[in-house]
Protein backbone atom coordinates (compact mmCIF):
# COMPACT_ATOMS: atom_id res chain seq x y z
CA MET A 1 -88.30 -20.33 -9.24
CA ALA A 2 -86.85 -23.08 -7.49
CA LYS A 3 -85.12 -22.69 -4.15
CA LYS A 4 -81.62 -22.51 -3.71
CA THR A 5 -79.97 -23.64 -0.65
CA LEU A 6 -77.36 -20.78 0.55
CA VAL A 7 -74.37 -21.67 2.73
CA GLU A 8 -72.09 -19.40 4.42
CA ILE A 9 -68.58 -19.82 4.22
CA LEU A 10 -65.49 -18.34 5.69
CA VAL A 11 -62.59 -17.66 3.51
CA HIS A 12 -59.44 -18.36 5.19
CA THR A 13 -57.33 -18.28 1.72
CA PRO A 14 -58.24 -15.31 -0.75
CA PHE A 15 -58.76 -17.38 -4.38
CA THR A 16 -60.67 -16.97 -7.52
CA PHE A 17 -63.41 -19.91 -8.23
CA THR A 18 -63.91 -21.13 -11.57
CA GLU A 19 -67.37 -22.16 -12.52
CA SER A 20 -67.72 -25.22 -14.97
CA ASN A 21 -69.48 -22.61 -17.76
CA GLY A 22 -65.87 -20.70 -17.27
CA GLU A 23 -67.02 -18.18 -15.14
CA LYS A 24 -65.17 -16.60 -12.28
CA THR A 25 -65.61 -15.62 -8.93
CA PRO A 26 -63.12 -13.43 -6.53
CA PHE A 27 -63.50 -14.36 -2.87
CA ALA A 28 -61.76 -12.56 -0.46
CA SER A 29 -60.77 -13.17 3.25
CA GLY A 30 -63.96 -13.41 5.24
CA ARG A 31 -67.65 -14.68 5.29
CA HIS A 32 -69.73 -15.09 2.47
CA SER A 33 -72.96 -16.86 0.98
CA VAL A 34 -72.75 -19.30 -1.89
CA GLU A 35 -74.87 -22.00 -3.31
CA LYS A 36 -74.32 -25.42 -1.62
CA GLU A 37 -72.61 -26.84 -4.76
CA VAL A 38 -70.03 -24.16 -4.86
CA ALA A 39 -69.36 -24.51 -0.71
CA GLU A 40 -68.86 -28.12 -1.48
CA HIS A 41 -66.70 -27.58 -4.23
CA TRP A 42 -63.14 -29.31 -3.59
CA PHE A 43 -61.29 -26.03 -4.59
CA VAL A 44 -63.55 -23.65 -2.25
CA ALA A 45 -63.27 -26.54 0.66
CA ALA A 46 -59.39 -26.12 0.62
CA HIS A 47 -59.42 -22.36 0.62
CA ALA A 48 -62.73 -22.00 3.13
CA ASP A 49 -64.46 -23.39 5.86
CA GLN A 50 -68.20 -23.84 6.10
CA THR A 51 -70.18 -22.09 9.24
CA GLY A 52 -72.90 -24.49 9.18
CA SER A 53 -75.05 -21.59 8.66
CA THR A 54 -77.64 -21.94 5.96
CA LEU A 55 -80.43 -19.36 3.76
CA ASP A 56 -83.39 -20.96 1.94
CA SER A 57 -83.75 -18.56 -1.22
CA GLY A 58 -86.81 -18.27 -2.76
CA GLY A 59 -85.30 -15.96 -5.62
CA ASP A 60 -82.92 -13.65 -6.82
CA THR A 61 -83.57 -11.24 -4.02
CA ALA A 62 -82.48 -13.20 -1.68
CA LEU A 63 -79.01 -14.22 -3.45
CA LEU A 64 -78.59 -10.36 -4.34
CA THR A 65 -78.67 -9.45 -1.05
CA ALA A 66 -76.47 -12.08 0.33
CA GLU A 67 -74.18 -11.06 -2.64
CA ILE A 68 -74.73 -7.45 -2.14
CA ASP A 69 -73.86 -7.77 1.97
CA SER A 70 -70.68 -9.95 1.04
CA LEU A 71 -69.74 -6.98 -1.08
CA LYS A 72 -70.44 -4.74 1.15
CA ALA A 73 -67.88 -6.27 3.76
CA GLN A 74 -65.26 -6.59 1.41
CA LEU A 75 -65.45 -3.34 0.50
CA GLU A 76 -65.36 -1.93 4.13
CA LYS A 77 -62.23 -4.56 4.44
CA GLN A 78 -60.60 -2.74 1.55
CA ALA A 79 -61.46 0.77 2.59
CA LYS A 80 -59.60 0.03 6.17
CA LEU A 81 -56.53 -1.16 4.30
CA ILE A 82 -56.16 1.44 1.92
CA GLY A 83 -56.53 4.20 5.06
CA GLU A 84 -53.91 2.20 6.86
CA GLN A 85 -51.84 2.31 3.73
CA ALA A 86 -52.38 5.96 3.16
CA LYS A 87 -51.27 6.86 6.74
CA GLN A 88 -48.00 4.65 6.13
CA ILE A 89 -47.30 6.27 2.89
CA ASP A 90 -47.29 9.66 4.56
CA ALA A 91 -45.20 8.56 7.14
CA LYS A 92 -42.69 7.59 4.69
CA ASP A 93 -42.63 10.61 2.64
CA THR A 94 -41.98 12.82 6.36
CA ALA A 95 -39.20 10.41 6.96
CA LEU A 96 -37.68 11.06 2.93
CA GLY A 97 -38.14 14.70 3.88
CA LEU A 98 -36.08 14.93 7.01
CA LEU A 99 -33.82 12.28 5.73
CA THR A 100 -33.33 14.70 2.39
CA ALA A 101 -32.83 17.49 4.51
CA GLU A 102 -29.86 15.84 6.42
CA VAL A 103 -28.54 14.30 3.32
CA ASP A 104 -28.01 17.94 1.64
CA SER A 105 -26.94 19.20 5.31
CA LEU A 106 -24.39 17.10 4.83
CA LYS A 107 -23.32 17.45 1.46
CA ALA A 108 -23.09 21.62 2.47
CA ALA A 109 -20.67 20.57 5.35
CA GLY A 110 -19.01 18.11 2.84
CA ALA A 111 -18.55 20.96 0.22
CA GLY A 112 -16.92 23.53 2.53
CA ALA A 113 -14.74 20.90 4.27
CA ASN A 114 -13.16 20.40 0.44
CA VAL A 115 -12.34 24.24 -0.31
CA LYS A 116 -8.54 24.87 -0.26
CA LYS A 117 -7.08 27.37 1.83
């Protein structure tokens, strides 16, 4: 198999890259290892910066390892985001419960004020 040169890019704006064969590859913010031709593509260059790091690949194993590392980093970032969002949902649920109790209390107090003597 021919050697492939991988270049590390730092994605600052998430995007989806469509290759000439129509294959789509999503890129989240963060570091990714891609083939040199992909890194130099105008669309990729508009959304990412090359870090200067390169890796010569002698086969699919190195490419797969680099891709797995990139996907693991993306997964960790998404897991962290999900955890933060779960905490926000819990906080909002608590606030909603308190406000609902307050509304019910005000309705009960208001119902008593409307009673004719």
